[in-house]
């Protein structure tokens, strides 16, 4: 399976999320990777199965438990994973 390129935006979140999922930890990164799992798998990344149902809802709840500005933080995280996936798709098409 494919390694996470350090040159892609959001690589640190994806790397952390993959490790957290493999270890069964529920973190912002693992929930974010769970949300994007179908797209990431289609791009050749080994995304461990497991996690929670509806990771997008749980991510929002987790952010709300820890800090204010929940909506902004959630959107920023989603934007990072989308940027990562777009960079991976672009690299795959070259």
Protein backbone atom coordinates (compact mmCIF):
# COMPACT_ATOMS: atom_id res chain seq x y z
CA UNK A 1 0.00 0.00 0.00
CA UNK A 2 0.93 3.61 -0.45
CA UNK A 3 2.96 5.67 2.01
CA UNK A 4 1.79 9.13 3.07
CA UNK A 5 3.89 11.68 1.15
CA UNK A 6 5.22 14.40 3.44
CA UNK A 7 4.87 16.92 0.63
CA UNK A 8 1.06 16.68 0.57
CA UNK A 9 -0.96 19.21 2.58
CA UNK A 10 -2.41 17.60 5.70
CA UNK A 11 0.04 14.71 5.63
CA UNK A 12 0.59 15.00 9.38
CA UNK A 13 -3.12 14.53 10.06
CA UNK A 14 -3.36 11.54 7.75
CA UNK A 15 -0.26 9.87 9.19
CA UNK A 16 -1.46 10.43 12.75
CA UNK A 17 -4.98 9.32 11.87
CA UNK A 18 -3.80 6.09 10.28
CA UNK A 19 -1.65 5.29 13.32
CA UNK A 20 -4.45 6.18 15.74
CA UNK A 21 -6.95 4.01 13.87
CA UNK A 22 -4.53 1.09 13.86
CA UNK A 23 -4.11 1.49 17.64
CA UNK A 24 -7.85 1.91 18.28
CA UNK A 25 -7.55 5.52 19.51
CA UNK A 26 -10.36 7.99 18.94
CA UNK A 27 -8.73 11.29 18.02
CA UNK A 28 -9.49 14.17 15.71
CA UNK A 29 -7.05 12.68 13.21
CA UNK A 30 -8.48 9.14 13.38
CA UNK A 31 -12.04 10.41 12.96
CA UNK A 32 -10.99 12.58 10.04
CA UNK A 33 -9.28 9.66 8.30
CA UNK A 34 -12.35 7.50 8.99
CA UNK A 35 -14.50 10.10 7.28
CA UNK A 36 -12.25 10.04 4.23
CA UNK A 37 -11.57 6.27 4.31
CA UNK A 38 -13.37 5.34 1.06
CA UNK A 39 -11.58 8.06 -0.89
CA UNK A 40 -8.22 7.29 0.70
CA UNK A 41 -8.59 3.55 0.07
CA UNK A 42 -9.46 4.26 -3.57
CA UNK A 43 -6.18 6.20 -3.77
CA UNK A 44 -4.21 3.20 -2.45
CA UNK A 45 -3.81 4.08 1.22
CA UNK A 46 -4.22 1.29 3.76
CA UNK A 47 -6.89 2.66 6.07
CA UNK A 48 -7.60 0.31 8.99
CA UNK A 49 -11.22 -0.62 9.47
CA UNK A 50 -12.96 0.02 12.72
CA UNK A 51 -13.71 3.25 14.43
CA UNK A 52 -17.12 4.67 15.15
CA UNK A 53 -20.32 4.95 13.18
CA UNK A 54 -20.80 8.42 11.72
CA UNK A 55 -17.25 9.69 12.31
CA UNK A 56 -18.22 13.16 11.07
CA UNK A 57 -20.72 13.59 13.90
CA UNK A 58 -18.29 12.23 16.47
CA UNK A 59 -15.53 14.55 15.23
CA UNK A 60 -17.81 17.55 15.69
CA UNK A 61 -18.74 16.37 19.19
CA UNK A 62 -15.11 15.80 20.11
CA UNK A 63 -14.12 19.29 19.01
CA UNK A 64 -17.07 20.79 20.90
CA UNK A 65 -15.98 18.99 24.09
CA UNK A 66 -12.49 20.51 23.93
CA UNK A 67 -12.77 24.03 22.63
CA UNK A 68 -14.89 26.84 21.29
CA UNK A 69 -15.12 27.71 17.62
CA UNK A 70 -16.30 24.20 16.85
CA UNK A 71 -17.68 24.91 13.41
CA UNK A 72 -14.54 26.72 12.25
CA UNK A 73 -12.21 24.01 13.58
CA UNK A 74 -14.33 21.24 12.01
CA UNK A 75 -14.36 22.97 8.63
CA UNK A 76 -10.61 23.58 8.79
CA UNK A 77 -9.93 19.89 9.48
CA UNK A 78 -12.23 18.76 6.70
CA UNK A 79 -10.52 21.22 4.36
CA UNK A 80 -7.13 19.69 5.21
CA UNK A 81 -8.23 16.14 4.41
CA UNK A 82 -9.83 17.30 1.17
CA UNK A 83 -6.59 19.07 0.21
CA UNK A 84 -4.64 15.91 0.96
CA UNK A 85 -6.97 13.77 -1.16
CA UNK A 86 -6.85 16.24 -4.05
CA UNK A 87 -3.04 16.27 -3.95
CA UNK A 88 -3.02 12.46 -3.95
CA UNK A 89 -5.45 12.34 -6.85
CA UNK A 90 -3.36 14.83 -8.79
CA UNK A 91 -0.17 12.86 -8.14
CA UNK A 92 -1.88 9.65 -9.25
CA UNK A 93 -2.99 11.23 -12.53
CA UNK A 94 0.49 12.45 -13.50
